[in-house]
């Protein structure tokens, strides 16, 4: 994998995590765990899919909830629920 490709993937992960923090009120660690443990991330790092060079908005829309489609459906109490109290 080239340095340019790594940079694109790292930039994409950063933006996805920031949006997950904003939209689901997650901490930075929780958001990064969500991204790195998602099926979306597996597809992004699979260069044959071409997702690594798509926009962050495209990938974020593709990800969707539940839990970025990682494993079984997200069930209550879901870590991404909007009404979850924010840890401060």
N, C-alpha and C. Protein backbone atom coordinates (compact mmCIF):
# COMPACT_ATOMS: atom_id res chain seq x y z
N UNK A 1 0.86 -1.17 0.00
CA UNK A 1 0.00 0.00 0.00
C UNK A 1 0.91 1.23 0.00
N UNK A 2 0.62 2.16 -0.88
CA UNK A 2 1.45 3.36 -0.99
C UNK A 2 1.18 4.33 0.16
N UNK A 3 2.10 5.24 0.35
CA UNK A 3 1.94 6.27 1.39
C UNK A 3 0.71 7.14 1.11
N UNK A 4 0.45 7.42 -0.17
CA UNK A 4 -0.72 8.22 -0.53
C UNK A 4 -2.01 7.50 -0.16
N UNK A 5 -2.06 6.21 -0.40
CA UNK A 5 -3.25 5.42 -0.06
C UNK A 5 -3.44 5.38 1.44
N UNK A 6 -2.37 5.18 2.20
CA UNK A 6 -2.46 5.19 3.66
C UNK A 6 -2.98 6.53 4.16
N UNK A 7 -2.50 7.62 3.55
CA UNK A 7 -2.95 8.95 3.94
C UNK A 7 -4.44 9.11 3.68
N UNK A 8 -4.90 8.65 2.52
CA UNK A 8 -6.34 8.75 2.20
C UNK A 8 -7.18 7.97 3.21
N UNK A 9 -6.73 6.77 3.54
CA UNK A 9 -7.48 5.95 4.50
C UNK A 9 -7.47 6.59 5.88
N UNK A 10 -6.32 7.07 6.33
CA UNK A 10 -6.23 7.72 7.64
C UNK A 10 -7.12 8.95 7.71
N UNK A 11 -7.14 9.74 6.64
CA UNK A 11 -7.98 10.94 6.60
C UNK A 11 -9.45 10.57 6.64
N UNK A 12 -9.81 9.51 5.94
CA UNK A 12 -11.19 9.04 5.92
C UNK A 12 -11.61 8.56 7.30
N UNK A 13 -10.76 7.78 7.95
CA UNK A 13 -11.05 7.29 9.30
C UNK A 13 -11.24 8.46 10.26
N UNK A 14 -10.38 9.45 10.16
CA UNK A 14 -10.49 10.63 11.03
C UNK A 14 -11.84 11.30 10.87
N UNK A 15 -12.26 11.53 9.64
CA UNK A 15 -13.53 12.21 9.39
C UNK A 15 -14.72 11.36 9.83
N UNK A 16 -14.68 10.07 9.56
CA UNK A 16 -15.76 9.19 10.00
C UNK A 16 -15.89 9.19 11.52
N UNK A 17 -14.77 9.16 12.21
CA UNK A 17 -14.79 9.17 13.68
C UNK A 17 -15.34 10.50 14.20
N UNK A 18 -14.95 11.60 13.57
CA UNK A 18 -15.47 12.91 14.00
C UNK A 18 -16.98 12.98 13.83
N UNK A 19 -17.48 12.49 12.72
CA UNK A 19 -18.93 12.52 12.50
C UNK A 19 -19.66 11.58 13.45
N UNK A 20 -19.07 10.41 13.75
CA UNK A 20 -19.68 9.50 14.71
C UNK A 20 -19.73 10.14 16.09
N UNK A 21 -18.67 10.86 16.46
CA UNK A 21 -18.66 11.57 17.75
C UNK A 21 -19.81 12.58 17.79
N UNK A 22 -19.96 13.33 16.72
CA UNK A 22 -21.00 14.36 16.65
C UNK A 22 -22.39 13.76 16.63
N UNK A 23 -22.62 12.80 15.77
CA UNK A 23 -23.98 12.29 15.55
C UNK A 23 -24.46 11.34 16.63
N UNK A 24 -23.54 10.59 17.23
CA UNK A 24 -23.93 9.60 18.22
C UNK A 24 -23.41 9.91 19.61
N UNK A 25 -22.84 11.09 19.76
CA UNK A 25 -22.34 11.56 21.06
C UNK A 25 -21.39 10.54 21.69
N UNK A 26 -20.41 10.13 20.93
CA UNK A 26 -19.41 9.18 21.41
C UNK A 26 -18.14 9.91 21.80
N UNK A 27 -17.37 9.29 22.67
CA UNK A 27 -16.04 9.81 22.96
C UNK A 27 -15.15 9.50 21.75
N UNK A 28 -13.98 10.09 21.73
CA UNK A 28 -13.06 9.84 20.62
C UNK A 28 -12.69 8.35 20.56
N UNK A 29 -12.42 7.77 21.70
CA UNK A 29 -12.04 6.36 21.75
C UNK A 29 -13.19 5.48 21.24
N UNK A 30 -14.41 5.76 21.70
CA UNK A 30 -15.57 4.99 21.25
C UNK A 30 -15.77 5.11 19.74
N UNK A 31 -15.62 6.33 19.22
CA UNK A 31 -15.81 6.55 17.79
C UNK A 31 -14.76 5.83 16.97
N UNK A 32 -13.51 5.89 17.41
CA UNK A 32 -12.45 5.19 16.69
C UNK A 32 -12.65 3.68 16.76
N UNK A 33 -13.07 3.17 17.91
CA UNK A 33 -13.36 1.74 18.03
C UNK A 33 -14.48 1.35 17.07
N UNK A 34 -15.50 2.18 16.99
CA UNK A 34 -16.61 1.92 16.10
C UNK A 34 -16.13 1.83 14.66
N UNK A 35 -15.33 2.79 14.23
CA UNK A 35 -14.84 2.81 12.86
C UNK A 35 -13.94 1.62 12.59
N UNK A 36 -12.93 1.41 13.44
CA UNK A 36 -11.95 0.36 13.19
C UNK A 36 -12.54 -1.05 13.29
N UNK A 37 -13.62 -1.22 14.03
CA UNK A 37 -14.24 -2.54 14.18
C UNK A 37 -15.43 -2.76 13.25
N UNK A 38 -15.62 -1.86 12.31
CA UNK A 38 -16.79 -1.94 11.43
C UNK A 38 -16.47 -2.71 10.15
N UNK A 39 -17.53 -3.22 9.54
CA UNK A 39 -17.39 -3.84 8.23
C UNK A 39 -16.99 -2.79 7.20
N UNK A 40 -17.43 -1.57 7.40
CA UNK A 40 -17.06 -0.51 6.48
C UNK A 40 -15.54 -0.35 6.42
N UNK A 41 -14.89 -0.34 7.57
CA UNK A 41 -13.43 -0.20 7.60
C UNK A 41 -12.76 -1.35 6.85
N UNK A 42 -13.28 -2.56 7.04
CA UNK A 42 -12.73 -3.71 6.33
C UNK A 42 -12.83 -3.49 4.82
N UNK A 43 -13.92 -2.89 4.38
CA UNK A 43 -14.11 -2.64 2.95
C UNK A 43 -13.24 -1.48 2.47
N UNK A 44 -13.04 -0.49 3.32
CA UNK A 44 -12.20 0.66 2.95
C UNK A 44 -10.75 0.21 2.75
N UNK A 45 -10.25 -0.65 3.61
CA UNK A 45 -8.86 -1.07 3.48
C UNK A 45 -8.67 -2.15 2.41
N UNK A 46 -9.77 -2.70 1.90
CA UNK A 46 -9.71 -3.60 0.75
C UNK A 46 -9.66 -2.71 -0.49
N UNK A 47 -8.48 -2.52 -1.02
CA UNK A 47 -8.28 -1.55 -2.10
C UNK A 47 -9.09 -1.87 -3.35
N UNK A 48 -9.49 -3.10 -3.51
CA UNK A 48 -10.27 -3.48 -4.68
C UNK A 48 -11.66 -2.85 -4.68
N UNK A 49 -12.17 -2.49 -3.51
CA UNK A 49 -13.51 -1.87 -3.45
C UNK A 49 -13.49 -0.43 -3.95
N UNK A 50 -12.33 0.23 -3.83
CA UNK A 50 -12.23 1.62 -4.25
C UNK A 50 -12.84 2.61 -3.26
N UNK A 51 -13.31 2.13 -2.11
CA UNK A 51 -13.94 3.04 -1.15
C UNK A 51 -12.95 4.01 -0.52
N UNK A 52 -11.68 3.66 -0.49
CA UNK A 52 -10.69 4.51 0.15
C UNK A 52 -10.53 5.85 -0.54
N UNK A 53 -10.88 5.95 -1.80
CA UNK A 53 -10.75 7.23 -2.49
C UNK A 53 -12.10 7.93 -2.70
N UNK A 54 -13.15 7.38 -2.12
CA UNK A 54 -14.45 8.06 -2.14
C UNK A 54 -14.47 9.08 -0.99
N UNK A 55 -15.39 9.99 -1.07
CA UNK A 55 -15.48 11.04 -0.04
C UNK A 55 -15.91 10.43 1.29
N UNK A 56 -15.58 11.14 2.35
CA UNK A 56 -16.00 10.72 3.68
C UNK A 56 -17.53 10.70 3.77
N UNK A 57 -18.17 11.69 3.15
CA UNK A 57 -19.65 11.76 3.18
C UNK A 57 -20.26 10.53 2.50
N UNK A 58 -19.69 10.13 1.38
CA UNK A 58 -20.18 8.93 0.68
C UNK A 58 -20.06 7.71 1.58
N UNK A 59 -18.90 7.53 2.18
CA UNK A 59 -18.67 6.38 3.04
C UNK A 59 -19.53 6.42 4.29
N UNK A 60 -19.71 7.61 4.86
CA UNK A 60 -20.52 7.73 6.07
C UNK A 60 -21.97 7.39 5.76
N UNK A 61 -22.45 7.83 4.62
CA UNK A 61 -23.80 7.47 4.21
C UNK A 61 -23.93 5.99 3.93
N UNK A 62 -22.89 5.42 3.37
CA UNK A 62 -22.86 3.99 3.07
C UNK A 62 -22.84 3.18 4.36
N UNK A 63 -22.16 3.70 5.37
CA UNK A 63 -22.00 2.97 6.63
C UNK A 63 -23.35 2.74 7.28
N UNK A 64 -24.08 3.83 7.50
CA UNK A 64 -25.37 3.71 8.16
C UNK A 64 -25.25 3.07 9.54
N UNK A 65 -26.27 3.22 10.30
CA UNK A 65 -26.40 2.55 11.57
C UNK A 65 -27.17 1.28 11.25
N UNK A 66 -27.13 0.16 11.88
CA UNK A 66 -26.62 -0.04 13.22
C UNK A 66 -25.13 -0.35 13.28
N UNK A 67 -24.51 0.37 14.15
CA UNK A 67 -23.10 0.18 14.51
C UNK A 67 -22.20 -0.02 13.30
N UNK A 68 -22.42 0.79 12.30
CA UNK A 68 -21.65 0.71 11.06
C UNK A 68 -21.67 -0.70 10.49
N UNK A 69 -22.75 -1.39 10.76
CA UNK A 69 -22.99 -2.74 10.23
C UNK A 69 -21.91 -3.73 10.66
N UNK A 70 -21.45 -3.60 11.87
CA UNK A 70 -20.44 -4.55 12.37
C UNK A 70 -21.13 -5.59 13.23
N UNK A 71 -21.20 -6.79 12.74
CA UNK A 71 -21.78 -7.87 13.51
C UNK A 71 -23.29 -7.84 13.48
N UNK A 72 -23.92 -8.39 14.51
CA UNK A 72 -25.38 -8.47 14.54
C UNK A 72 -26.01 -7.08 14.70
N UNK A 73 -27.29 -6.97 14.42
CA UNK A 73 -27.95 -5.66 14.56
C UNK A 73 -27.75 -5.08 15.95
N UNK A 74 -27.64 -3.79 16.01
CA UNK A 74 -27.44 -3.07 17.27
C UNK A 74 -28.73 -3.11 18.07
N UNK A 75 -28.69 -3.65 19.26
CA UNK A 75 -29.88 -3.78 20.08
C UNK A 75 -29.77 -2.90 21.32
N UNK A 76 -30.91 -2.61 21.94
CA UNK A 76 -30.93 -1.80 23.15
C UNK A 76 -30.22 -2.56 24.27
N UNK A 77 -29.49 -1.91 25.14
CA UNK A 77 -29.16 -0.49 25.07
C UNK A 77 -27.99 -0.25 24.12
N UNK A 78 -28.28 0.40 23.04
CA UNK A 78 -27.30 0.66 22.00
C UNK A 78 -26.36 1.78 22.43
N UNK A 79 -25.07 1.61 22.21
CA UNK A 79 -24.08 2.63 22.56
C UNK A 79 -24.25 3.88 21.70
N UNK A 80 -24.98 3.77 20.60
CA UNK A 80 -25.12 4.91 19.70
C UNK A 80 -26.44 5.63 19.85
N UNK A 81 -27.24 5.24 20.82
CA UNK A 81 -28.53 5.92 20.98
C UNK A 81 -28.33 7.39 21.24
N UNK A 82 -29.12 8.21 20.57
CA UNK A 82 -29.01 9.66 20.70
C UNK A 82 -29.37 10.13 22.12
N UNK A 83 -30.23 9.40 22.80
CA UNK A 83 -30.65 9.84 24.13
C UNK A 83 -29.71 9.35 25.23
N UNK A 84 -28.60 8.72 24.83
CA UNK A 84 -27.61 8.26 25.80
C UNK A 84 -26.95 9.45 26.48
N UNK A 85 -26.86 9.43 27.79
CA UNK A 85 -26.19 10.54 28.47
C UNK A 85 -24.73 10.66 28.04
N UNK A 86 -24.31 11.86 27.84
CA UNK A 86 -22.93 12.12 27.40
C UNK A 86 -22.01 12.05 28.60
N UNK A 87 -20.93 11.29 28.44
CA UNK A 87 -19.90 11.23 29.49
C UNK A 87 -19.07 12.51 29.43
N UNK A 88 -18.93 13.17 30.54
CA UNK A 88 -18.14 14.41 30.54
C UNK A 88 -17.07 14.36 31.58
